[in-house]
Amino acid sequence: MDQANTLRRMVSQHRHGKPSQGVPRRQMRVIAVTSGKGGVGKTNTAVNLALALSRLQRRVVLLDGDMGLANIDVLLGLTPRYTLEHVVNGEKDVMDIVLEGPLGVKILPSSSGISELSEMNKRQQMHLFAELSRIDEDNDYLIIDTGAGISSNVLRFNAAASEVLLVVSPEPTAITDAYALMKLLAIKYDVRDFGLIANSVQSERDGHAVFERLNRVSEQFLQASLSYLGSIPFDKCVRNAVRQQTALLELYPRAPASRSLMRIAAVIDQRAAASALPPSAETLSNPAFPPQPPASFWDRLLHWDHRTK
C-alpha cells in the first residue's frame, strides 16, 4: 500500500472508525497567506481575514504554519498549553490543541523552533497530516499563515493550497521578494494562479500600482495569473490592536482597515463559491472527460517529495 493510500486509510479511521465508502463531500478550501519577506503584515492579514470570513457565517480554522517563528498566539494574546509540536511528537491529538479564537475562529497554534516538515521522517509527516486532516470536518476554510520567504515549509504549504494569497506592501523590496516567491512557485512547482492583497497603502491607487507592477512581470516572464483582491490602508488602529494583542476586527470593527478586510473576505468567498460550482452537463456527459475527485490538500502535502525531484 503506498503512502497516499495509507494516509487516506488513517484519515478515514480518524473520522468514521472504518474506511470511507467514497461518499462525495465538498472539500474545505485551503488558503495560504504568504509573503516574500517579513514585516509586510502577513500574519495580521491572515488573522483578520479568518475573522472576516467568520463574520460572513463561514466556519474557519486558522493554522499557524510558521513553524520557526510562530506568533499568531502572541498577536491574539493567547497562551496555548499544547501546540503542533506535541502532535508531531505523538503526545497529543490535533483536537487537543485547538484554541477557540475570537468570533468563533478555531486556531491551531504552532511553536517557535519546531522542525521543518522536510526534517521530519516520513512516519512523523504522515502522523501529522493524518491528524491535521481531521479539521476539515464541517469547516469551510483553512487559512494558513505561512512563514515569510522561500523555506521548505513555505513552499510546501503554498504548493499544496487551493489558493495562494500574496500580501505585499508598496516598498520595492517587498515587491521584489514577492516576485521571487512567485517565480519559484511557478517554475518549480507549477503554481500559476495567485491572489494579491496590497497592504498598508496610502490610497487605493497605490494598491493598484503594486498590482500592476507585479502583474506585468508575472504575465511576461512567468505566464502566471495574478488577481487583485483589494488593498488595506495604512491605519493606526492596526498598530494599536497589535499592541493590545487583540484582533483588529474585534477591537476596531469600523476602522478603515477592518472595512477593507471585510471587502476582501467577501471577494475571497465569492471566488470560493465560483470554484465549487459543479461541472457542466456537457462535461458530465462526455466519456472522454469523466469527473475526477480533486486530490485533497493533505494528499498534495504527502506527495510533496514527488514534486521536488
C-alpha atoms as a PDB file:
ATOM      1  CA  MET A   1       0.000   0.000   0.000  1.00  0.00           C
ATOM      2  CA  ASP A   2       1.528   3.351  -1.000  1.00  0.00           C
ATOM      3  CA  GLN A   3       1.837   6.297   1.365  1.00  0.00           C
ATOM      4  CA  ALA A   4      -1.151   8.194  -0.033  1.00  0.00           C
ATOM      5  CA  ASN A   5      -3.438   5.188   0.438  1.00  0.00           C
ATOM      6  CA  THR A   6      -2.072   4.731   3.939  1.00  0.00           C
ATOM      7  CA  LEU A   7      -2.838   8.367   4.719  1.00  0.00           C
ATOM      8  CA  ARG A   8      -6.371   8.069   3.364  1.00  0.00           C
ATOM      9  CA  ARG A   9      -6.943   4.953   5.469  1.00  0.00           C
ATOM     10  CA  MET A  10      -5.644   6.724   8.576  1.00  0.00           C
ATOM     11  CA  VAL A  11      -7.842   9.750   7.885  1.00  0.00           C
ATOM     12  CA  SER A  12     -10.905   7.579   7.341  1.00  0.00           C
ATOM     13  CA  GLN A  13     -10.301   5.757  10.612  1.00  0.00           C
ATOM     14  CA  HIS A  14      -9.962   9.084  12.429  1.00  0.00           C
ATOM     15  CA  ARG A  15     -13.278  10.333  11.042  1.00  0.00           C
ATOM     16  CA  HIS A  16     -15.501   7.295  10.969  1.00  0.00           C
ATOM     17  CA  GLY A  17     -13.742   4.441  12.712  1.00  0.00           C
ATOM     18  CA  LYS A  18     -13.833   2.499   9.421  1.00  0.00           C
ATOM     19  CA  PRO A  19     -12.729   3.011   5.803  1.00  0.00           C
ATOM     20  CA  SER A  20     -14.590   5.638   3.794  1.00  0.00           C
ATOM     21  CA  GLN A  21     -17.364   4.450   1.478  1.00  0.00           C
ATOM     22  CA  GLY A  22     -16.430   7.035  -1.119  1.00  0.00           C
ATOM     23  CA  VAL A  23     -19.355   9.374  -0.477  1.00  0.00           C
ATOM     24  CA  PRO A  24     -18.508  12.700  -2.142  1.00  0.00           C
ATOM     25  CA  ARG A  25     -18.398  15.790   0.030  1.00  0.00           C
ATOM     26  CA  ARG A  26     -17.470  19.380  -0.586  1.00  0.00           C
ATOM     27  CA  GLN A  27     -13.856  19.914   0.344  1.00  0.00           C
ATOM     28  CA  MET A  28     -12.732  22.583   2.723  1.00  0.00           C
ATOM     29  CA  ARG A  29     -10.956  25.387   0.861  1.00  0.00           C
ATOM     30  CA  VAL A  30      -7.340  25.815   1.901  1.00  0.00           C
ATOM     31  CA  ILE A  31      -5.878  29.307   1.535  1.00  0.00           C
ATOM     32  CA  ALA A  32      -2.194  30.013   2.095  1.00  0.00           C
ATOM     33  CA  VAL A  33      -1.486  33.604   3.122  1.00  0.00           C
ATOM     34  CA  THR A  34       2.139  34.253   2.296  1.00  0.00           C
ATOM     35  CA  SER A  35       4.759  36.886   1.508  1.00  0.00           C
ATOM     36  CA  GLY A  36       8.196  37.174   0.017  1.00  0.00           C
ATOM     37  CA  LYS A  37       9.578  38.999   3.036  1.00  0.00           C
ATOM     38  CA  GLY A  38       8.724  39.623   6.653  1.00  0.00           C
ATOM     39  CA  GLY A  39       7.328  42.842   8.012  1.00  0.00           C
ATOM     40  CA  VAL A  40       4.554  43.357   5.443  1.00  0.00           C
ATOM     41  CA  GLY A  41       1.678  42.474   7.773  1.00  0.00           C
ATOM     42  CA  LYS A  42       1.135  38.915   6.565  1.00  0.00           C
ATOM     43  CA  THR A  43       0.180  37.373   9.908  1.00  0.00           C
ATOM     44  CA  ASN A  44      -2.096  40.263  10.834  1.00  0.00           C
ATOM     45  CA  THR A  45      -3.793  39.955   7.444  1.00  0.00           C
ATOM     46  CA  ALA A  46      -4.230  36.176   7.814  1.00  0.00           C
ATOM     47  CA  VAL A  47      -5.716  36.509  11.302  1.00  0.00           C
ATOM     48  CA  ASN A  48      -8.179  39.230  10.371  1.00  0.00           C
ATOM     49  CA  LEU A  49      -9.206  37.573   7.111  1.00  0.00           C
ATOM     50  CA  ALA A  50     -10.088  34.495   9.157  1.00  0.00           C
ATOM     51  CA  LEU A  51     -12.237  36.668  11.411  1.00  0.00           C
ATOM     52  CA  ALA A  52     -13.794  38.443   8.441  1.00  0.00           C
ATOM     53  CA  LEU A  53     -14.794  35.131   6.850  1.00  0.00           C
ATOM     54  CA  SER A  54     -16.245  34.042  10.179  1.00  0.00           C
ATOM     55  CA  ARG A  55     -18.347  37.214  10.156  1.00  0.00           C
ATOM     56  CA  LEU A  56     -19.663  36.050   6.801  1.00  0.00           C
ATOM     57  CA  GLN A  57     -21.013  32.983   8.632  1.00  0.00           C
ATOM     58  CA  ARG A  58     -18.237  30.711   7.412  1.00  0.00           C
ATOM     59  CA  ARG A  59     -16.589  28.109   9.616  1.00  0.00           C
ATOM     60  CA  VAL A  60     -12.886  28.905   9.699  1.00  0.00           C
ATOM     61  CA  VAL A  61      -9.751  27.246  11.029  1.00  0.00           C
ATOM     62  CA  LEU A  62      -6.537  29.266  11.276  1.00  0.00           C
ATOM     63  CA  LEU A  63      -3.273  27.309  11.181  1.00  0.00           C
ATOM     64  CA  ASP A  64      -0.014  28.905  12.272  1.00  0.00           C
ATOM     65  CA  GLY A  65       2.221  27.473   9.567  1.00  0.00           C
ATOM     66  CA  ASP A  66       5.332  29.399  10.577  1.00  0.00           C
ATOM     67  CA  MET A  67       6.949  26.562  12.461  1.00  0.00           C
ATOM     68  CA  GLY A  68      10.118  28.515  13.119  1.00  0.00           C
ATOM     69  CA  LEU A  69       8.678  31.795  14.405  1.00  0.00           C
ATOM     70  CA  ALA A  70       5.062  31.111  15.306  1.00  0.00           C
ATOM     71  CA  ASN A  71       3.286  34.230  16.589  1.00  0.00           C
ATOM     72  CA  ILE A  72      -0.474  34.032  15.990  1.00  0.00           C
ATOM     73  CA  ASP A  73      -0.932  33.240  19.677  1.00  0.00           C
ATOM     74  CA  VAL A  74       1.138  36.303  20.604  1.00  0.00           C
ATOM     75  CA  LEU A  75      -0.847  38.520  18.250  1.00  0.00           C
ATOM     76  CA  LEU A  76      -4.102  37.416  19.888  1.00  0.00           C
ATOM     77  CA  GLY A  77      -2.883  37.333  23.481  1.00  0.00           C
ATOM     78  CA  LEU A  78      -3.361  33.554  23.749  1.00  0.00           C
ATOM     79  CA  THR A  79      -1.264  31.156  25.794  1.00  0.00           C
ATOM     80  CA  PRO A  80      -1.545  27.700  24.243  1.00  0.00           C
ATOM     81  CA  ARG A  81      -0.754  24.827  26.545  1.00  0.00           C
ATOM     82  CA  TYR A  82      -0.165  22.476  23.623  1.00  0.00           C
ATOM     83  CA  THR A  83       0.963  23.124  20.044  1.00  0.00           C
ATOM     84  CA  LEU A  84       1.673  21.279  16.810  1.00  0.00           C
ATOM     85  CA  GLU A  85       4.947  20.166  18.335  1.00  0.00           C
ATOM     86  CA  HIS A  86       3.011  17.948  20.747  1.00  0.00           C
ATOM     87  CA  VAL A  87       1.078  16.500  17.799  1.00  0.00           C
ATOM     88  CA  VAL A  88       4.268  15.766  15.852  1.00  0.00           C
ATOM     89  CA  ASN A  89       5.728  14.028  18.894  1.00  0.00           C
ATOM     90  CA  GLY A  90       2.602  11.929  19.339  1.00  0.00           C
ATOM     91  CA  GLU A  91       1.870  13.429  22.750  1.00  0.00           C
ATOM     92  CA  LYS A  92      -1.479  14.972  21.778  1.00  0.00           C
ATOM     93  CA  ASP A  93      -4.199  14.591  19.163  1.00  0.00           C
ATOM     94  CA  VAL A  94      -4.897  17.600  16.980  1.00  0.00           C
ATOM     95  CA  MET A  95      -8.241  18.185  18.701  1.00  0.00           C
ATOM     96  CA  ASP A  96      -6.402  18.565  21.997  1.00  0.00           C
ATOM     97  CA  ILE A  97      -4.520  21.649  20.804  1.00  0.00           C
ATOM     98  CA  VAL A  98      -7.363  23.565  19.118  1.00  0.00           C
ATOM     99  CA  LEU A  99      -7.909  27.007  20.646  1.00  0.00           C
ATOM    100  CA  GLU A 100     -11.161  28.912  20.483  1.00  0.00           C
ATOM    101  CA  GLY A 101     -10.256  32.260  18.944  1.00  0.00           C
ATOM    102  CA  PRO A 102     -12.245  35.461  18.535  1.00  0.00           C
ATOM    103  CA  LEU A 103     -15.520  35.368  16.591  1.00  0.00           C
ATOM    104  CA  GLY A 104     -15.561  31.579  16.706  1.00  0.00           C
ATOM    105  CA  VAL A 105     -12.404  31.018  14.654  1.00  0.00           C
ATOM    106  CA  LYS A 106     -10.590  27.815  15.593  1.00  0.00           C
ATOM    107  CA  ILE A 107      -6.830  28.190  15.942  1.00  0.00           C
ATOM    108  CA  LEU A 108      -4.122  25.553  15.572  1.00  0.00           C
ATOM    109  CA  PRO A 109      -1.052  27.021  17.291  1.00  0.00           C
ATOM    110  CA  SER A 110       2.486  26.153  16.358  1.00  0.00           C
ATOM    111  CA  SER A 111       5.608  26.823  18.389  1.00  0.00           C
ATOM    112  CA  SER A 112       8.885  28.556  17.727  1.00  0.00           C
ATOM    113  CA  GLY A 113      11.695  26.180  16.979  1.00  0.00           C
ATOM    114  CA  ILE A 114       9.639  23.224  15.708  1.00  0.00           C
ATOM    115  CA  SER A 115      11.423  21.298  12.970  1.00  0.00           C
ATOM    116  CA  GLU A 116      10.843  21.967   9.310  1.00  0.00           C
ATOM    117  CA  LEU A 117       8.455  19.462   7.751  1.00  0.00           C
ATOM    118  CA  SER A 118      11.319  18.395   5.492  1.00  0.00           C
ATOM    119  CA  GLU A 119      13.321  17.429   8.571  1.00  0.00           C
ATOM    120  CA  MET A 120      10.618  15.124   9.904  1.00  0.00           C
ATOM    121  CA  ASN A 121      10.794  11.478   8.995  1.00  0.00           C
ATOM    122  CA  LYS A 122       8.021  10.015   6.851  1.00  0.00           C
ATOM    123  CA  ARG A 123       6.216   8.484   9.807  1.00  0.00           C
ATOM    124  CA  GLN A 124       6.125  11.842  11.608  1.00  0.00           C
ATOM    125  CA  GLN A 125       4.846  13.570   8.472  1.00  0.00           C
ATOM    126  CA  MET A 126       2.112  11.015   7.898  1.00  0.00           C
ATOM    127  CA  HIS A 127       1.040  11.195  11.517  1.00  0.00           C
ATOM    128  CA  LEU A 128       0.917  14.995  11.424  1.00  0.00           C
ATOM    129  CA  PHE A 129      -1.041  15.135   8.148  1.00  0.00           C
ATOM    130  CA  ALA A 130      -3.481  12.450   9.276  1.00  0.00           C
ATOM    131  CA  GLU A 131      -4.122  14.385  12.475  1.00  0.00           C
ATOM    132  CA  LEU A 132      -4.463  17.733  10.686  1.00  0.00           C
ATOM    133  CA  SER A 133      -6.832  16.257   8.117  1.00  0.00           C
ATOM    134  CA  ARG A 134      -9.410  15.814  10.874  1.00  0.00           C
ATOM    135  CA  ILE A 135     -10.022  19.545  10.945  1.00  0.00           C
ATOM    136  CA  ASP A 136     -11.749  19.638   7.556  1.00  0.00           C
ATOM    137  CA  GLU A 137     -14.862  18.079   9.042  1.00  0.00           C
ATOM    138  CA  ASP A 138     -17.655  20.665   8.952  1.00  0.00           C
ATOM    139  CA  ASN A 139     -15.306  23.592   8.188  1.00  0.00           C
ATOM    140  CA  ASP A 140     -15.420  25.880   5.171  1.00  0.00           C
ATOM    141  CA  TYR A 141     -11.925  27.357   5.219  1.00  0.00           C
ATOM    142  CA  LEU A 142      -8.473  26.528   6.445  1.00  0.00           C
ATOM    143  CA  ILE A 143      -6.361  29.704   6.480  1.00  0.00           C
ATOM    144  CA  ILE A 144      -2.636  29.004   6.721  1.00  0.00           C
ATOM    145  CA  ASP A 145      -0.335  31.758   7.878  1.00  0.00           C
ATOM    146  CA  THR A 146       2.875  30.581   6.249  1.00  0.00           C
ATOM    147  CA  GLY A 147       6.313  31.800   7.155  1.00  0.00           C
ATOM    148  CA  ALA A 148       7.863  34.543   5.053  1.00  0.00           C
ATOM    149  CA  GLY A 149      10.425  33.823   2.355  1.00  0.00           C
ATOM    150  CA  ILE A 150      11.155  30.627   0.457  1.00  0.00           C
ATOM    151  CA  SER A 151      11.857  27.984   3.098  1.00  0.00           C
ATOM    152  CA  SER A 152      10.745  24.406   2.534  1.00  0.00           C
ATOM    153  CA  ASN A 153       7.704  24.834   4.789  1.00  0.00           C
ATOM    154  CA  VAL A 154       6.585  27.980   2.958  1.00  0.00           C
ATOM    155  CA  LEU A 155       6.887  26.352  -0.453  1.00  0.00           C
ATOM    156  CA  ARG A 156       5.200  23.169   0.671  1.00  0.00           C
ATOM    157  CA  PHE A 157       2.116  24.857   2.111  1.00  0.00           C
ATOM    158  CA  ASN A 158       1.798  27.207  -0.864  1.00  0.00           C
ATOM    159  CA  ALA A 159       2.187  24.477  -3.475  1.00  0.00           C
ATOM    160  CA  ALA A 160      -0.470  22.312  -1.835  1.00  0.00           C
ATOM    161  CA  ALA A 161      -3.059  25.009  -1.047  1.00  0.00           C
ATOM    162  CA  SER A 162      -6.233  25.647  -3.030  1.00  0.00           C
ATOM    163  CA  GLU A 163      -5.327  29.325  -3.295  1.00  0.00           C
ATOM    164  CA  VAL A 164      -2.194  31.380  -2.659  1.00  0.00           C
ATOM    165  CA  LEU A 165      -2.672  34.951  -1.400  1.00  0.00           C
ATOM    166  CA  LEU A 166       0.354  37.216  -1.557  1.00  0.00           C
ATOM    167  CA  VAL A 167       0.486  40.048   0.957  1.00  0.00           C
ATOM    168  CA  VAL A 168       2.635  42.833  -0.469  1.00  0.00           C
ATOM    169  CA  SER A 169       3.401  46.308   0.819  1.00  0.00           C
ATOM    170  CA  PRO A 170       4.357  49.186  -1.516  1.00  0.00           C
ATOM    171  CA  GLU A 171       8.076  49.027  -0.652  1.00  0.00           C
ATOM    172  CA  PRO A 172      10.300  47.981  -3.588  1.00  0.00           C
ATOM    173  CA  THR A 173      11.922  45.190  -1.541  1.00  0.00           C
ATOM    174  CA  ALA A 174       8.528  43.681  -0.705  1.00  0.00           C
ATOM    175  CA  ILE A 175       7.519  43.714  -4.377  1.00  0.00           C
ATOM    176  CA  THR A 176      10.839  42.216  -5.485  1.00  0.00           C
ATOM    177  CA  ASP A 177      10.697  39.442  -2.895  1.00  0.00           C
ATOM    178  CA  ALA A 178       7.071  38.684  -3.724  1.00  0.00           C
ATOM    179  CA  TYR A 179       8.054  38.214  -7.358  1.00  0.00           C
ATOM    180  CA  ALA A 180      10.921  35.912  -6.318  1.00  0.00           C
ATOM    181  CA  LEU A 181       8.457  33.719  -4.401  1.00  0.00           C
ATOM    182  CA  MET A 182       6.020  33.686  -7.330  1.00  0.00           C
ATOM    183  CA  LYS A 183       8.829  32.770  -9.716  1.00  0.00           C
ATOM    184  CA  LEU A 184       9.939  29.806  -7.626  1.00  0.00           C
ATOM    185  CA  LEU A 185       6.404  28.514  -7.129  1.00  0.00           C
ATOM    186  CA  ALA A 186       5.542  28.956 -10.818  1.00  0.00           C
ATOM    187  CA  ILE A 187       8.665  27.487 -12.375  1.00  0.00           C
ATOM    188  CA  LYS A 188       9.476  24.705  -9.935  1.00  0.00           C
ATOM    189  CA  TYR A 189       6.019  23.725  -8.677  1.00  0.00           C
ATOM    190  CA  ASP A 190       3.736  24.910 -11.500  1.00  0.00           C
ATOM    191  CA  VAL A 191       1.681  27.225  -9.287  1.00  0.00           C
ATOM    192  CA  ARG A 192       0.254  29.678 -11.819  1.00  0.00           C
ATOM    193  CA  ASP A 193      -2.592  31.406 -10.018  1.00  0.00           C
ATOM    194  CA  PHE A 194      -2.084  33.936  -7.247  1.00  0.00           C
ATOM    195  CA  GLY A 195      -4.188  36.472  -5.422  1.00  0.00           C
ATOM    196  CA  LEU A 196      -2.687  39.762  -4.294  1.00  0.00           C
ATOM    197  CA  ILE A 197      -3.514  41.932  -1.296  1.00  0.00           C
ATOM    198  CA  ALA A 198      -1.736  45.285  -1.159  1.00  0.00           C
ATOM    199  CA  ASN A 199      -1.194  46.127   2.496  1.00  0.00           C
ATOM    200  CA  SER A 200      -0.503  49.368   4.323  1.00  0.00           C
ATOM    201  CA  VAL A 201      -1.105  51.584   1.293  1.00  0.00           C
ATOM    202  CA  GLN A 202      -1.801  55.304   1.340  1.00  0.00           C
ATOM    203  CA  SER A 203      -4.557  55.038  -1.237  1.00  0.00           C
ATOM    204  CA  GLU A 204      -6.369  52.551  -3.432  1.00  0.00           C
ATOM    205  CA  ARG A 205      -4.347  53.956  -6.299  1.00  0.00           C
ATOM    206  CA  ASP A 206      -1.159  52.813  -4.562  1.00  0.00           C
ATOM    207  CA  GLY A 207      -2.653  49.339  -4.184  1.00  0.00           C
ATOM    208  CA  HIS A 208      -3.413  49.141  -7.894  1.00  0.00           C
ATOM    209  CA  ALA A 209       0.121  50.330  -8.646  1.00  0.00           C
ATOM    210  CA  VAL A 210       1.588  47.423  -6.641  1.00  0.00           C
ATOM    211  CA  PHE A 211      -0.660  45.010  -8.511  1.00  0.00           C
ATOM    212  CA  GLU A 212       0.138  46.440 -11.938  1.00  0.00           C
ATOM    213  CA  ARG A 213       3.860  46.236 -11.322  1.00  0.00           C
ATOM    214  CA  LEU A 214       3.751  42.589 -10.237  1.00  0.00           C
ATOM    215  CA  ASN A 215       1.148  41.588 -12.791  1.00  0.00           C
ATOM    216  CA  ARG A 216       3.160  42.987 -15.679  1.00  0.00           C
ATOM    217  CA  VAL A 217       6.279  40.948 -14.919  1.00  0.00           C
ATOM    218  CA  SER A 218       4.381  37.797 -13.890  1.00  0.00           C
ATOM    219  CA  GLU A 219       2.468  37.742 -17.182  1.00  0.00           C
ATOM    220  CA  GLN A 220       5.561  38.438 -19.232  1.00  0.00           C
ATOM    221  CA  PHE A 221       8.060  36.116 -17.587  1.00  0.00           C
ATOM    222  CA  LEU A 222       6.085  33.542 -15.590  1.00  0.00           C
ATOM    223  CA  GLN A 223       2.897  33.063 -17.607  1.00  0.00           C
ATOM    224  CA  ALA A 224       1.165  33.315 -14.236  1.00  0.00           C
ATOM    225  CA  SER A 225      -2.228  34.793 -13.409  1.00  0.00           C
ATOM    226  CA  LEU A 226      -2.379  37.404 -10.662  1.00  0.00           C
ATOM    227  CA  SER A 227      -5.756  38.541  -9.301  1.00  0.00           C
ATOM    228  CA  TYR A 228      -6.131  41.776  -7.391  1.00  0.00           C
ATOM    229  CA  LEU A 229      -8.257  41.147  -4.293  1.00  0.00           C
ATOM    230  CA  GLY A 230      -8.010  44.635  -2.843  1.00  0.00           C
ATOM    231  CA  SER A 231      -5.931  46.839  -0.603  1.00  0.00           C
ATOM    232  CA  ILE A 232      -5.696  47.549   3.115  1.00  0.00           C
ATOM    233  CA  PRO A 233      -4.965  51.175   4.001  1.00  0.00           C
ATOM    234  CA  PHE A 234      -2.325  52.289   6.455  1.00  0.00           C
ATOM    235  CA  ASP A 235      -4.316  52.568   9.663  1.00  0.00           C
ATOM    236  CA  LYS A 236      -3.094  53.460  13.151  1.00  0.00           C
ATOM    237  CA  CYS A 237      -5.745  51.153  14.559  1.00  0.00           C
ATOM    238  CA  VAL A 238      -3.754  48.189  13.218  1.00  0.00           C
ATOM    239  CA  ARG A 239      -0.741  49.066  15.344  1.00  0.00           C
ATOM    240  CA  ASN A 240      -2.933  49.753  18.376  1.00  0.00           C
ATOM    241  CA  ALA A 241      -4.598  46.359  18.034  1.00  0.00           C
ATOM    242  CA  VAL A 242      -1.217  44.621  17.808  1.00  0.00           C
ATOM    243  CA  ARG A 243      -0.021  46.377  20.946  1.00  0.00           C
ATOM    244  CA  GLN A 244      -3.165  45.313  22.790  1.00  0.00           C
ATOM    245  CA  GLN A 245      -2.811  41.747  21.458  1.00  0.00           C
ATOM    246  CA  THR A 246      -6.349  41.807  20.139  1.00  0.00           C
ATOM    247  CA  ALA A 247      -7.559  41.212  16.586  1.00  0.00           C
ATOM    248  CA  LEU A 248      -8.261  44.381  14.635  1.00  0.00           C
ATOM    249  CA  LEU A 249     -11.757  43.275  13.574  1.00  0.00           C
ATOM    250  CA  GLU A 250     -12.643  42.526  17.169  1.00  0.00           C
ATOM    251  CA  LEU A 251     -11.233  45.736  18.672  1.00  0.00           C
ATOM    252  CA  TYR A 252     -11.911  48.220  15.862  1.00  0.00           C
ATOM    253  CA  PRO A 253     -14.602  46.711  13.619  1.00  0.00           C
ATOM    254  CA  ARG A 254     -15.364  50.060  11.954  1.00  0.00           C
ATOM    255  CA  ALA A 255     -11.758  51.090  11.290  1.00  0.00           C
ATOM    256  CA  PRO A 256     -10.828  51.716   7.630  1.00  0.00           C
ATOM    257  CA  ALA A 257      -8.546  48.661   7.593  1.00  0.00           C
ATOM    258  CA  SER A 258     -11.319  46.489   9.062  1.00  0.00           C
ATOM    259  CA  ARG A 259     -13.773  47.587   6.382  1.00  0.00           C
ATOM    260  CA  SER A 260     -11.215  46.799   3.681  1.00  0.00           C
ATOM    261  CA  LEU A 261     -10.597  43.351   5.146  1.00  0.00           C
ATOM    262  CA  MET A 262     -14.321  42.626   5.115  1.00  0.00           C
ATOM    263  CA  ARG A 263     -14.500  43.601   1.433  1.00  0.00           C
ATOM    264  CA  ILE A 264     -11.543  41.362   0.614  1.00  0.00           C
ATOM    265  CA  ALA A 265     -13.084  38.468   2.551  1.00  0.00           C
ATOM    266  CA  ALA A 266     -16.283  38.858   0.516  1.00  0.00           C
ATOM    267  CA  VAL A 267     -14.256  38.666  -2.708  1.00  0.00           C
ATOM    268  CA  ILE A 268     -12.456  35.538  -1.467  1.00  0.00           C
ATOM    269  CA  ASP A 269     -15.757  33.909  -0.544  1.00  0.00           C
ATOM    270  CA  GLN A 270     -17.241  34.697  -3.949  1.00  0.00           C
ATOM    271  CA  ARG A 271     -14.212  33.163  -5.666  1.00  0.00           C
ATOM    272  CA  ALA A 272     -14.510  30.069  -3.492  1.00  0.00           C
ATOM    273  CA  ALA A 273     -18.185  29.707  -4.353  1.00  0.00           C
ATOM    274  CA  ALA A 274     -17.432  30.036  -8.068  1.00  0.00           C
ATOM    275  CA  SER A 275     -14.700  27.403  -7.916  1.00  0.00           C
ATOM    276  CA  ALA A 276     -17.051  24.986  -6.150  1.00  0.00           C
ATOM    277  CA  LEU A 277     -19.681  25.056  -8.913  1.00  0.00           C
ATOM    278  CA  PRO A 278     -20.486  21.566 -10.254  1.00  0.00           C
ATOM    279  CA  PRO A 279     -19.188  20.578 -13.698  1.00  0.00           C
ATOM    280  CA  SER A 280     -21.386  21.387 -16.683  1.00  0.00           C
ATOM    281  CA  ALA A 281     -23.824  18.858 -18.115  1.00  0.00           C
ATOM    282  CA  GLU A 282     -21.674  18.684 -21.251  1.00  0.00           C
ATOM    283  CA  THR A 283     -18.618  17.686 -19.234  1.00  0.00           C
ATOM    284  CA  LEU A 284     -20.553  15.132 -17.205  1.00  0.00           C
ATOM    285  CA  SER A 285     -21.954  13.509 -20.344  1.00  0.00           C
ATOM    286  CA  ASN A 286     -18.623  13.368 -22.152  1.00  0.00           C
ATOM    287  CA  PRO A 287     -16.932   9.978 -21.552  1.00  0.00           C
ATOM    288  CA  ALA A 288     -13.598  11.461 -22.631  1.00  0.00           C
ATOM    289  CA  PHE A 289     -13.633  13.693 -19.544  1.00  0.00           C
ATOM    290  CA  PRO A 290     -15.013  11.646 -16.637  1.00  0.00           C
ATOM    291  CA  PRO A 291     -15.284  13.707 -13.443  1.00  0.00           C
ATOM    292  CA  GLN A 292     -12.418  13.044 -11.050  1.00  0.00           C
ATOM    293  CA  PRO A 293     -12.456  13.888  -7.352  1.00  0.00           C
ATOM    294  CA  PRO A 294      -9.795  16.521  -6.653  1.00  0.00           C
ATOM    295  CA  ALA A 295      -6.801  15.494  -4.602  1.00  0.00           C
ATOM    296  CA  SER A 296      -7.105  16.735  -1.065  1.00  0.00           C
ATOM    297  CA  PHE A 297      -4.758  19.267   0.448  1.00  0.00           C
ATOM    298  CA  TRP A 298      -3.336  16.503   2.622  1.00  0.00           C
ATOM    299  CA  ASP A 299      -2.684  14.231  -0.358  1.00  0.00           C
ATOM    300  CA  ARG A 300      -0.823  17.046  -2.071  1.00  0.00           C
ATOM    301  CA  LEU A 301       1.269  17.636   1.035  1.00  0.00           C
ATOM    302  CA  LEU A 302       2.091  13.942   1.230  1.00  0.00           C
ATOM    303  CA  HIS A 303       3.153  13.849  -2.424  1.00  0.00           C
ATOM    304  CA  TRP A 304       5.492  16.796  -1.950  1.00  0.00           C
ATOM    305  CA  ASP A 305       8.563  14.574  -2.343  1.00  0.00           C
ATOM    306  CA  HIS A 306       7.445  13.586  -5.849  1.00  0.00           C
ATOM    307  CA  ARG A 307       7.086  17.228  -6.870  1.00  0.00           C
ATOM    308  CA  THR A 308      10.533  18.264  -5.701  1.00  0.00           C
ATOM    309  CA  LYS A 309      12.556  15.601  -7.523  1.00  0.00           C
END
